[in-house]
Amino acid sequence: MLMSFWRLLADLTRSFLRHGCASLAASLAFFSLLSLFPLVFMLLYGVSFIVSHEVIGGQVLLSFLKGFLPTLGERLAVELQRISELETVRWLVFLSFAWFGTLVFYELDYALNVVFDSTWKRHPLISTAIAVASQGAVALMLVLSYVATQTVNFLTAYAPHLWGLDLIALAAHDVFLTYTLPFTMAFLTVGALYRYVPRRRPQWREALIGSLTFSLLWVAAKLLFVTYNEYATVYTKLYGSLLEVILLLLWIYYSALLLLLGAVIAHALQQRSQAAAAGSFSPARLVSPSANAGG
């Protein structure tokens, strides 16, 4: 069993390197950073028809970014709210924001199809529909994050205090909102990405195993990232005000690496399932009925 585990690990490493996942992750990180402000502006514009700008900037966006961008959520939310309230945005700028906001989803579509060895090309209209649907999925995550945050705040407001400390509220905010909720949302979202985006679609079991691997490593990486950032004061002296941009880019790059690693695992399981299904057909079944009759 140990030899099988090391053989599987070696196969995953070779597949990860063969598909150039490190370069694909760098490309995903670049397009994610390029699309971040336009994408969030589009999301805020869409959600503003339901919730006011003040609530979006102060609660919805902040609760979402804190869960997915450690140590950067609050400051980034302030800047994004400031940009979203600008009245100089006209239709040309709005359309350019819509275009740049979808670029990361085009790159995500390309990267996943490379990992899953999908050779035939998808129609551009279908790729655009997937990008728009992905934008809608992110908007849904934004709303669900806000609903979960408000629900937790409402429940913990009536929780009993112990020795003057609201332990239940601390556990809810530090554990549920910071780790459990982002883990659940990442697990479901990435599982759907692995299942529906590649042209060679894996089964749900394979997609969810890859998604579970991504989610566990992603939450662990977030914990390590926050812990490391608290002690890496030397980088503040080196980069100054640019440190937040560098940390944001590094975090997105690590997340993209883990996303592609989960895709590699799902694809490896898909190949094994297909090989097992192909090997289940015995040679006797390939003999024609006439040959059996003649025997």
C-alpha atoms as a PDB file:
ATOM      1  CA  MET A   1       0.000   0.000   0.000  1.00  0.00           C
ATOM      2  CA  LEU A   2       2.868   2.331   0.802  1.00  0.00           C
ATOM      3  CA  MET A   3       4.458   1.618  -2.582  1.00  0.00           C
ATOM      4  CA  SER A   4       1.149   2.340  -4.311  1.00  0.00           C
ATOM      5  CA  PHE A   5       0.892   5.665  -2.479  1.00  0.00           C
ATOM      6  CA  TRP A   6       4.409   6.717  -3.519  1.00  0.00           C
ATOM      7  CA  ARG A   7       3.733   5.576  -7.082  1.00  0.00           C
ATOM      8  CA  LEU A   8       0.539   7.658  -7.162  1.00  0.00           C
ATOM      9  CA  LEU A   9       2.393  10.645  -5.711  1.00  0.00           C
ATOM     10  CA  ALA A  10       5.108  10.305  -8.365  1.00  0.00           C
ATOM     11  CA  ASP A  11       2.483  10.076 -11.126  1.00  0.00           C
ATOM     12  CA  LEU A  12       0.746  13.198  -9.826  1.00  0.00           C
ATOM     13  CA  THR A  13       4.051  15.079  -9.688  1.00  0.00           C
ATOM     14  CA  ARG A  14       4.929  14.089 -13.264  1.00  0.00           C
ATOM     15  CA  SER A  15       1.464  15.079 -14.470  1.00  0.00           C
ATOM     16  CA  PHE A  16       1.680  18.397 -12.612  1.00  0.00           C
ATOM     17  CA  LEU A  17       5.026  19.187 -14.250  1.00  0.00           C
ATOM     18  CA  ARG A  18       4.078  17.818 -17.673  1.00  0.00           C
ATOM     19  CA  HIS A  19       1.060  20.111 -17.933  1.00  0.00           C
ATOM     20  CA  GLY A  20       3.115  23.124 -16.865  1.00  0.00           C
ATOM     21  CA  CYS A  21       0.856  23.866 -13.909  1.00  0.00           C
ATOM     22  CA  ALA A  22       3.338  26.302 -12.370  1.00  0.00           C
ATOM     23  CA  SER A  23       3.176  28.499 -15.498  1.00  0.00           C
ATOM     24  CA  LEU A  24      -0.593  28.075 -15.759  1.00  0.00           C
ATOM     25  CA  ALA A  25      -0.937  29.131 -12.116  1.00  0.00           C
ATOM     26  CA  ALA A  26       1.182  32.226 -12.781  1.00  0.00           C
ATOM     27  CA  SER A  27      -1.071  33.091 -15.722  1.00  0.00           C
ATOM     28  CA  LEU A  28      -4.165  32.555 -13.576  1.00  0.00           C
ATOM     29  CA  ALA A  29      -2.703  34.784 -10.860  1.00  0.00           C
ATOM     30  CA  PHE A  30      -1.979  37.545 -13.368  1.00  0.00           C
ATOM     31  CA  PHE A  31      -5.467  37.463 -14.875  1.00  0.00           C
ATOM     32  CA  SER A  32      -7.024  37.225 -11.406  1.00  0.00           C
ATOM     33  CA  LEU A  33      -5.204  40.370 -10.298  1.00  0.00           C
ATOM     34  CA  LEU A  34      -6.105  42.085 -13.576  1.00  0.00           C
ATOM     35  CA  SER A  35      -9.762  41.109 -13.236  1.00  0.00           C
ATOM     36  CA  LEU A  36     -10.123  41.676  -9.491  1.00  0.00           C
ATOM     37  CA  PHE A  37     -11.240  45.311  -9.431  1.00  0.00           C
ATOM     38  CA  PRO A  38     -13.442  45.150 -12.572  1.00  0.00           C
ATOM     39  CA  LEU A  39     -14.988  41.884 -11.388  1.00  0.00           C
ATOM     40  CA  VAL A  40     -15.776  43.176  -7.909  1.00  0.00           C
ATOM     41  CA  PHE A  41     -17.162  46.390  -9.410  1.00  0.00           C
ATOM     42  CA  MET A  42     -19.488  44.341 -11.627  1.00  0.00           C
ATOM     43  CA  LEU A  43     -20.570  42.221  -8.671  1.00  0.00           C
ATOM     44  CA  LEU A  44     -21.233  45.277  -6.513  1.00  0.00           C
ATOM     45  CA  TYR A  45     -23.152  46.893  -9.346  1.00  0.00           C
ATOM     46  CA  GLY A  46     -25.345  43.808  -9.694  1.00  0.00           C
ATOM     47  CA  VAL A  47     -25.927  43.331  -5.980  1.00  0.00           C
ATOM     48  CA  SER A  48     -26.666  47.065  -5.551  1.00  0.00           C
ATOM     49  CA  PHE A  49     -30.100  46.443  -7.078  1.00  0.00           C
ATOM     50  CA  ILE A  50     -30.869  44.350  -3.981  1.00  0.00           C
ATOM     51  CA  VAL A  51     -28.757  45.895  -1.205  1.00  0.00           C
ATOM     52  CA  SER A  52     -27.626  49.505  -0.730  1.00  0.00           C
ATOM     53  CA  HIS A  53     -24.019  50.580  -1.398  1.00  0.00           C
ATOM     54  CA  GLU A  54     -23.370  51.268   2.277  1.00  0.00           C
ATOM     55  CA  VAL A  55     -24.354  47.767   3.303  1.00  0.00           C
ATOM     56  CA  ILE A  56     -22.374  46.258   0.416  1.00  0.00           C
ATOM     57  CA  GLY A  57     -19.167  48.072   1.255  1.00  0.00           C
ATOM     58  CA  GLY A  58     -19.413  47.744   5.010  1.00  0.00           C
ATOM     59  CA  GLN A  59     -20.729  44.196   5.373  1.00  0.00           C
ATOM     60  CA  VAL A  60     -21.208  42.105   2.226  1.00  0.00           C
ATOM     61  CA  LEU A  61     -17.871  42.730   0.554  1.00  0.00           C
ATOM     62  CA  LEU A  62     -15.901  42.799   3.781  1.00  0.00           C
ATOM     63  CA  SER A  63     -17.232  39.460   5.027  1.00  0.00           C
ATOM     64  CA  PHE A  64     -16.524  37.893   1.640  1.00  0.00           C
ATOM     65  CA  LEU A  65     -12.964  39.198   1.262  1.00  0.00           C
ATOM     66  CA  LYS A  66     -11.993  38.338   4.828  1.00  0.00           C
ATOM     67  CA  GLY A  67     -12.783  34.712   4.155  1.00  0.00           C
ATOM     68  CA  PHE A  68     -10.948  34.426   0.852  1.00  0.00           C
ATOM     69  CA  LEU A  69      -8.132  36.997   1.065  1.00  0.00           C
ATOM     70  CA  PRO A  70      -6.458  36.698   4.475  1.00  0.00           C
ATOM     71  CA  THR A  71      -4.938  39.847   6.037  1.00  0.00           C
ATOM     72  CA  LEU A  72      -6.020  41.941   3.039  1.00  0.00           C
ATOM     73  CA  GLY A  73      -9.802  41.868   3.230  1.00  0.00           C
ATOM     74  CA  GLU A  74     -10.596  45.024   5.188  1.00  0.00           C
ATOM     75  CA  ARG A  75      -8.219  47.412   3.397  1.00  0.00           C
ATOM     76  CA  LEU A  76      -9.108  46.000  -0.001  1.00  0.00           C
ATOM     77  CA  ALA A  77     -12.825  46.306   0.723  1.00  0.00           C
ATOM     78  CA  VAL A  78     -12.432  50.015   1.465  1.00  0.00           C
ATOM     79  CA  GLU A  79     -10.688  50.660  -1.846  1.00  0.00           C
ATOM     80  CA  LEU A  80     -13.185  48.601  -3.822  1.00  0.00           C
ATOM     81  CA  GLN A  81     -16.096  50.404  -2.212  1.00  0.00           C
ATOM     82  CA  ARG A  82     -14.521  53.755  -3.077  1.00  0.00           C
ATOM     83  CA  ILE A  83     -14.130  52.741  -6.727  1.00  0.00           C
ATOM     84  CA  SER A  84     -17.646  51.317  -6.952  1.00  0.00           C
ATOM     85  CA  GLU A  85     -19.157  54.634  -5.833  1.00  0.00           C
ATOM     86  CA  LEU A  86     -17.503  56.687  -8.567  1.00  0.00           C
ATOM     87  CA  GLU A  87     -20.038  58.440 -10.761  1.00  0.00           C
ATOM     88  CA  THR A  88     -17.668  58.821 -13.701  1.00  0.00           C
ATOM     89  CA  VAL A  89     -18.306  55.295 -14.923  1.00  0.00           C
ATOM     90  CA  ARG A  90     -20.007  55.425 -18.318  1.00  0.00           C
ATOM     91  CA  TRP A  91     -21.130  52.679 -20.658  1.00  0.00           C
ATOM     92  CA  LEU A  92     -17.766  52.344 -22.374  1.00  0.00           C
ATOM     93  CA  VAL A  93     -15.989  51.960 -19.052  1.00  0.00           C
ATOM     94  CA  PHE A  94     -18.744  49.634 -17.850  1.00  0.00           C
ATOM     95  CA  LEU A  95     -18.326  47.369 -20.883  1.00  0.00           C
ATOM     96  CA  SER A  96     -14.551  47.360 -20.491  1.00  0.00           C
ATOM     97  CA  PHE A  97     -15.027  46.384 -16.831  1.00  0.00           C
ATOM     98  CA  ALA A  98     -17.311  43.563 -17.950  1.00  0.00           C
ATOM     99  CA  TRP A  99     -14.661  42.354 -20.405  1.00  0.00           C
ATOM    100  CA  PHE A 100     -11.741  42.514 -17.992  1.00  0.00           C
ATOM    101  CA  GLY A 101     -13.845  40.928 -15.264  1.00  0.00           C
ATOM    102  CA  THR A 102     -14.393  37.813 -17.382  1.00  0.00           C
ATOM    103  CA  LEU A 103     -10.770  37.375 -18.505  1.00  0.00           C
ATOM    104  CA  VAL A 104      -9.859  35.265 -15.493  1.00  0.00           C
ATOM    105  CA  PHE A 105     -12.659  32.807 -16.316  1.00  0.00           C
ATOM    106  CA  TYR A 106     -11.411  32.392 -19.891  1.00  0.00           C
ATOM    107  CA  GLU A 107      -7.964  31.597 -18.501  1.00  0.00           C
ATOM    108  CA  LEU A 108      -9.470  29.224 -15.938  1.00  0.00           C
ATOM    109  CA  ASP A 109     -11.332  27.420 -18.715  1.00  0.00           C
ATOM    110  CA  TYR A 110      -8.107  27.073 -20.702  1.00  0.00           C
ATOM    111  CA  ALA A 111      -6.031  25.888 -17.731  1.00  0.00           C
ATOM    112  CA  LEU A 112      -8.511  23.206 -16.646  1.00  0.00           C
ATOM    113  CA  ASN A 113      -8.814  21.866 -20.176  1.00  0.00           C
ATOM    114  CA  VAL A 114      -5.020  21.637 -20.423  1.00  0.00           C
ATOM    115  CA  VAL A 115      -4.886  19.625 -17.191  1.00  0.00           C
ATOM    116  CA  PHE A 116      -7.713  17.325 -18.306  1.00  0.00           C
ATOM    117  CA  ASP A 117      -6.069  16.764 -21.738  1.00  0.00           C
ATOM    118  CA  SER A 118      -9.001  18.210 -23.671  1.00  0.00           C
ATOM    119  CA  THR A 119      -7.772  18.738 -27.228  1.00  0.00           C
ATOM    120  CA  TRP A 120     -10.805  19.896 -29.185  1.00  0.00           C
ATOM    121  CA  LYS A 121     -11.729  23.571 -29.012  1.00  0.00           C
ATOM    122  CA  ARG A 122     -14.913  24.941 -27.517  1.00  0.00           C
ATOM    123  CA  HIS A 123     -17.062  27.458 -29.393  1.00  0.00           C
ATOM    124  CA  PRO A 124     -16.309  31.059 -28.295  1.00  0.00           C
ATOM    125  CA  LEU A 125     -19.964  31.680 -27.437  1.00  0.00           C
ATOM    126  CA  ILE A 126     -19.957  28.681 -25.101  1.00  0.00           C
ATOM    127  CA  SER A 127     -16.773  29.926 -23.435  1.00  0.00           C
ATOM    128  CA  THR A 128     -18.386  33.345 -23.004  1.00  0.00           C
ATOM    129  CA  ALA A 129     -21.492  31.744 -21.497  1.00  0.00           C
ATOM    130  CA  ILE A 130     -19.286  29.822 -19.041  1.00  0.00           C
ATOM    131  CA  ALA A 131     -17.471  33.050 -18.105  1.00  0.00           C
ATOM    132  CA  VAL A 132     -20.772  34.869 -17.492  1.00  0.00           C
ATOM    133  CA  ALA A 133     -22.117  31.924 -15.494  1.00  0.00           C
ATOM    134  CA  SER A 134     -18.927  31.894 -13.418  1.00  0.00           C
ATOM    135  CA  GLN A 135     -19.409  35.584 -12.719  1.00  0.00           C
ATOM    136  CA  GLY A 136     -22.917  34.823 -11.545  1.00  0.00           C
ATOM    137  CA  ALA A 137     -21.596  32.022  -9.318  1.00  0.00           C
ATOM    138  CA  VAL A 138     -19.164  34.448  -7.669  1.00  0.00           C
ATOM    139  CA  ALA A 139     -22.043  36.884  -7.102  1.00  0.00           C
ATOM    140  CA  LEU A 140     -24.038  34.088  -5.491  1.00  0.00           C
ATOM    141  CA  MET A 141     -21.078  33.297  -3.220  1.00  0.00           C
ATOM    142  CA  LEU A 142     -20.932  36.985  -2.278  1.00  0.00           C
ATOM    143  CA  VAL A 143     -24.597  36.987  -1.257  1.00  0.00           C
ATOM    144  CA  LEU A 144     -24.349  33.649   0.594  1.00  0.00           C
ATOM    145  CA  SER A 145     -21.320  34.910   2.494  1.00  0.00           C
ATOM    146  CA  TYR A 146     -23.286  37.968   3.574  1.00  0.00           C
ATOM    147  CA  VAL A 147     -26.306  35.888   4.634  1.00  0.00           C
ATOM    148  CA  ALA A 148     -24.095  33.512   6.627  1.00  0.00           C
ATOM    149  CA  THR A 149     -22.303  36.410   8.312  1.00  0.00           C
ATOM    150  CA  GLN A 150     -25.548  38.092   9.318  1.00  0.00           C
ATOM    151  CA  THR A 151     -26.982  34.805  10.561  1.00  0.00           C
ATOM    152  CA  VAL A 152     -23.937  34.150  12.745  1.00  0.00           C
ATOM    153  CA  ASN A 153     -24.003  37.719  14.077  1.00  0.00           C
ATOM    154  CA  PHE A 154     -27.684  37.360  14.949  1.00  0.00           C
ATOM    155  CA  LEU A 155     -27.220  34.014  16.713  1.00  0.00           C
ATOM    156  CA  THR A 156     -24.122  35.033  18.647  1.00  0.00           C
ATOM    157  CA  ALA A 157     -25.788  38.252  19.829  1.00  0.00           C
ATOM    158  CA  TYR A 158     -27.986  36.146  22.118  1.00  0.00           C
ATOM    159  CA  ALA A 159     -25.288  33.662  23.161  1.00  0.00           C
ATOM    160  CA  PRO A 160     -24.510  33.463  26.911  1.00  0.00           C
ATOM    161  CA  HIS A 161     -21.279  34.968  28.200  1.00  0.00           C
ATOM    162  CA  LEU A 162     -18.788  33.054  30.330  1.00  0.00           C
ATOM    163  CA  TRP A 163     -16.514  35.000  32.708  1.00  0.00           C
ATOM    164  CA  GLY A 164     -17.240  38.113  30.712  1.00  0.00           C
ATOM    165  CA  LEU A 165     -16.079  36.505  27.452  1.00  0.00           C
ATOM    166  CA  ASP A 166     -18.345  35.728  24.548  1.00  0.00           C
ATOM    167  CA  LEU A 167     -16.641  32.421  23.708  1.00  0.00           C
ATOM    168  CA  ILE A 168     -19.346  31.266  21.319  1.00  0.00           C
ATOM    169  CA  ALA A 169     -19.078  34.480  19.309  1.00  0.00           C
ATOM    170  CA  LEU A 170     -15.286  34.189  19.206  1.00  0.00           C
ATOM    171  CA  ALA A 171     -15.510  30.593  17.986  1.00  0.00           C
ATOM    172  CA  ALA A 172     -18.145  31.501  15.411  1.00  0.00           C
ATOM    173  CA  HIS A 173     -16.149  34.364  13.930  1.00  0.00           C
ATOM    174  CA  ASP A 174     -12.664  32.860  14.163  1.00  0.00           C
ATOM    175  CA  VAL A 175     -13.571  29.306  13.155  1.00  0.00           C
ATOM    176  CA  PHE A 176     -16.809  29.349  11.201  1.00  0.00           C
ATOM    177  CA  LEU A 177     -16.529  32.591   9.231  1.00  0.00           C
ATOM    178  CA  THR A 178     -12.758  32.413   8.725  1.00  0.00           C
ATOM    179  CA  TYR A 179     -12.298  28.732   7.923  1.00  0.00           C
ATOM    180  CA  THR A 180     -15.438  26.575   7.899  1.00  0.00           C
ATOM    181  CA  LEU A 181     -17.583  28.760   5.639  1.00  0.00           C
ATOM    182  CA  PRO A 182     -14.792  29.467   3.085  1.00  0.00           C
ATOM    183  CA  PHE A 183     -13.907  25.742   3.098  1.00  0.00           C
ATOM    184  CA  THR A 184     -17.503  24.733   2.362  1.00  0.00           C
ATOM    185  CA  MET A 185     -17.969  27.326  -0.362  1.00  0.00           C
ATOM    186  CA  ALA A 186     -14.611  26.494  -1.953  1.00  0.00           C
ATOM    187  CA  PHE A 187     -15.340  22.759  -1.831  1.00  0.00           C
ATOM    188  CA  LEU A 188     -18.708  23.070  -3.566  1.00  0.00           C
ATOM    189  CA  THR A 189     -17.602  25.689  -6.096  1.00  0.00           C
ATOM    190  CA  VAL A 190     -14.359  23.990  -7.121  1.00  0.00           C
ATOM    191  CA  GLY A 191     -16.116  20.613  -7.303  1.00  0.00           C
ATOM    192  CA  ALA A 192     -18.603  22.124  -9.765  1.00  0.00           C
ATOM    193  CA  LEU A 193     -15.714  23.657 -11.741  1.00  0.00           C
ATOM    194  CA  TYR A 194     -13.963  20.304 -12.065  1.00  0.00           C
ATOM    195  CA  ARG A 195     -17.214  18.591 -13.014  1.00  0.00           C
ATOM    196  CA  TYR A 196     -18.607  20.978 -15.634  1.00  0.00           C
ATOM    197  CA  VAL A 197     -15.839  23.210 -17.038  1.00  0.00           C
ATOM    198  CA  PRO A 198     -13.460  20.641 -18.639  1.00  0.00           C
ATOM    199  CA  ARG A 199     -14.563  19.279 -21.983  1.00  0.00           C
ATOM    200  CA  ARG A 200     -13.536  15.813 -20.805  1.00  0.00           C
ATOM    201  CA  ARG A 201     -15.718  15.832 -17.718  1.00  0.00           C
ATOM    202  CA  PRO A 202     -14.847  13.628 -14.730  1.00  0.00           C
ATOM    203  CA  GLN A 203     -17.471  11.940 -12.588  1.00  0.00           C
ATOM    204  CA  TRP A 204     -18.755  13.646  -9.463  1.00  0.00           C
ATOM    205  CA  ARG A 205     -16.728  11.329  -7.209  1.00  0.00           C
ATOM    206  CA  GLU A 206     -13.471  12.218  -8.971  1.00  0.00           C
ATOM    207  CA  ALA A 207     -14.303  15.930  -9.074  1.00  0.00           C
ATOM    208  CA  LEU A 208     -15.208  16.043  -5.379  1.00  0.00           C
ATOM    209  CA  ILE A 209     -12.042  14.205  -4.326  1.00  0.00           C
ATOM    210  CA  GLY A 210      -9.971  16.778  -6.216  1.00  0.00           C
ATOM    211  CA  SER A 211     -12.059  19.568  -4.723  1.00  0.00           C
ATOM    212  CA  LEU A 212     -11.652  18.166  -1.205  1.00  0.00           C
ATOM    213  CA  THR A 213      -7.879  18.051  -1.671  1.00  0.00           C
ATOM    214  CA  PHE A 214      -7.862  21.658  -2.850  1.00  0.00           C
ATOM    215  CA  SER A 215     -10.104  22.882  -0.016  1.00  0.00           C
ATOM    216  CA  LEU A 216      -8.105  21.196   2.760  1.00  0.00           C
ATOM    217  CA  LEU A 217      -4.758  22.423   1.436  1.00  0.00           C
ATOM    218  CA  TRP A 218      -6.190  25.878   0.753  1.00  0.00           C
ATOM    219  CA  VAL A 219      -7.510  26.348   4.297  1.00  0.00           C
ATOM    220  CA  ALA A 220      -4.223  25.033   5.720  1.00  0.00           C
ATOM    221  CA  ALA A 221      -2.279  27.392   3.439  1.00  0.00           C
ATOM    222  CA  LYS A 222      -4.445  30.304   4.589  1.00  0.00           C
ATOM    223  CA  LEU A 223      -3.657  29.526   8.223  1.00  0.00           C
ATOM    224  CA  LEU A 224       0.065  29.320   7.476  1.00  0.00           C
ATOM    225  CA  PHE A 225      -0.105  32.473   5.368  1.00  0.00           C
ATOM    226  CA  VAL A 226      -1.690  34.485   8.185  1.00  0.00           C
ATOM    227  CA  THR A 227       0.779  33.114  10.750  1.00  0.00           C
ATOM    228  CA  TYR A 228       3.784  33.783   8.527  1.00  0.00           C
ATOM    229  CA  ASN A 229       2.615  37.289   7.653  1.00  0.00           C
ATOM    230  CA  GLU A 230       2.524  38.245  11.339  1.00  0.00           C
ATOM    231  CA  TYR A 231       6.245  37.530  11.722  1.00  0.00           C
ATOM    232  CA  ALA A 232       7.539  38.628   8.301  1.00  0.00           C
ATOM    233  CA  THR A 233       8.099  42.243   9.326  1.00  0.00           C
ATOM    234  CA  VAL A 234      11.330  42.382   7.368  1.00  0.00           C
ATOM    235  CA  TYR A 235       9.335  42.469   4.117  1.00  0.00           C
ATOM    236  CA  THR A 236       7.594  45.644   5.263  1.00  0.00           C
ATOM    237  CA  LYS A 237      10.946  47.396   5.305  1.00  0.00           C
ATOM    238  CA  LEU A 238      11.852  45.987   1.886  1.00  0.00           C
ATOM    239  CA  TYR A 239       8.629  46.659  -0.044  1.00  0.00           C
ATOM    240  CA  GLY A 240       6.879  49.370   1.967  1.00  0.00           C
ATOM    241  CA  SER A 241       3.434  50.215   0.607  1.00  0.00           C
ATOM    242  CA  LEU A 242       3.809  47.660  -2.205  1.00  0.00           C
ATOM    243  CA  LEU A 243       3.780  44.811   0.284  1.00  0.00           C
ATOM    244  CA  GLU A 244      -0.010  44.391   0.145  1.00  0.00           C
ATOM    245  CA  VAL A 245       0.040  44.033  -3.645  1.00  0.00           C
ATOM    246  CA  ILE A 246       2.845  41.458  -3.447  1.00  0.00           C
ATOM    247  CA  LEU A 247       1.081  39.503  -0.707  1.00  0.00           C
ATOM    248  CA  LEU A 248      -2.147  39.547  -2.707  1.00  0.00           C
ATOM    249  CA  LEU A 249      -0.358  38.275  -5.822  1.00  0.00           C
ATOM    250  CA  LEU A 250       1.425  35.547  -3.854  1.00  0.00           C
ATOM    251  CA  TRP A 251      -1.801  34.406  -2.227  1.00  0.00           C
ATOM    252  CA  ILE A 252      -3.615  34.230  -5.560  1.00  0.00           C
ATOM    253  CA  TYR A 253      -0.667  32.330  -7.073  1.00  0.00           C
ATOM    254  CA  TYR A 254      -0.655  29.768  -4.245  1.00  0.00           C
ATOM    255  CA  SER A 255      -4.426  29.368  -4.574  1.00  0.00           C
ATOM    256  CA  ALA A 256      -4.090  28.817  -8.326  1.00  0.00           C
ATOM    257  CA  LEU A 257      -1.385  26.204  -7.762  1.00  0.00           C
ATOM    258  CA  LEU A 258      -3.633  24.327  -5.350  1.00  0.00           C
ATOM    259  CA  LEU A 259      -6.575  24.633  -7.750  1.00  0.00           C
ATOM    260  CA  LEU A 260      -4.564  23.008 -10.541  1.00  0.00           C
ATOM    261  CA  LEU A 261      -3.216  20.370  -8.158  1.00  0.00           C
ATOM    262  CA  GLY A 262      -6.771  19.359  -7.317  1.00  0.00           C
ATOM    263  CA  ALA A 263      -7.540  19.221 -11.040  1.00  0.00           C
ATOM    264  CA  VAL A 264      -4.511  16.961 -11.597  1.00  0.00           C
ATOM    265  CA  ILE A 265      -5.789  14.609  -8.882  1.00  0.00           C
ATOM    266  CA  ALA A 266      -9.297  14.549 -10.365  1.00  0.00           C
ATOM    267  CA  HIS A 267      -7.870  13.844 -13.828  1.00  0.00           C
ATOM    268  CA  ALA A 268      -5.639  11.050 -12.488  1.00  0.00           C
ATOM    269  CA  LEU A 269      -8.660   9.411 -10.855  1.00  0.00           C
ATOM    270  CA  GLN A 270     -10.595   9.861 -14.090  1.00  0.00           C
ATOM    271  CA  GLN A 271      -7.866   8.086 -16.062  1.00  0.00           C
ATOM    272  CA  ARG A 272      -7.750   5.221 -13.570  1.00  0.00           C
ATOM    273  CA  SER A 273     -11.518   4.792 -13.729  1.00  0.00           C
ATOM    274  CA  GLN A 274     -11.456   4.751 -17.511  1.00  0.00           C
ATOM    275  CA  ALA A 275      -8.587   2.251 -17.540  1.00  0.00           C
ATOM    276  CA  ALA A 276     -10.428   0.018 -15.072  1.00  0.00           C
ATOM    277  CA  ALA A 277     -13.599   0.227 -17.155  1.00  0.00           C
ATOM    278  CA  ALA A 278     -11.665  -0.643 -20.312  1.00  0.00           C
ATOM    279  CA  GLY A 279      -9.989  -3.595 -18.586  1.00  0.00           C
ATOM    280  CA  SER A 280     -13.292  -4.969 -17.319  1.00  0.00           C
ATOM    281  CA  PHE A 281     -14.231  -6.131 -20.831  1.00  0.00           C
ATOM    282  CA  SER A 282     -12.967  -9.673 -21.184  1.00  0.00           C
ATOM    283  CA  PRO A 283     -11.549 -10.904 -24.529  1.00  0.00           C
ATOM    284  CA  ALA A 284     -14.348 -13.449 -24.747  1.00  0.00           C
ATOM    285  CA  ARG A 285     -16.862 -10.629 -25.192  1.00  0.00           C
ATOM    286  CA  LEU A 286     -15.006  -9.459 -28.279  1.00  0.00           C
ATOM    287  CA  VAL A 287     -15.608 -12.783 -30.074  1.00  0.00           C
ATOM    288  CA  SER A 288     -18.357 -12.497 -32.653  1.00  0.00           C
ATOM    289  CA  PRO A 289     -21.588 -14.550 -32.238  1.00  0.00           C
ATOM    290  CA  SER A 290     -20.936 -16.364 -35.504  1.00  0.00           C
ATOM    291  CA  ALA A 291     -17.606 -17.633 -34.231  1.00  0.00           C
ATOM    292  CA  ASN A 292     -19.320 -18.933 -31.099  1.00  0.00           C
ATOM    293  CA  ALA A 293     -21.984 -20.611 -33.200  1.00  0.00           C
ATOM    294  CA  GLY A 294     -19.385 -22.213 -35.396  1.00  0.00           C
ATOM    295  CA  GLY A 295     -17.602 -23.606 -32.310  1.00  0.00           C
END
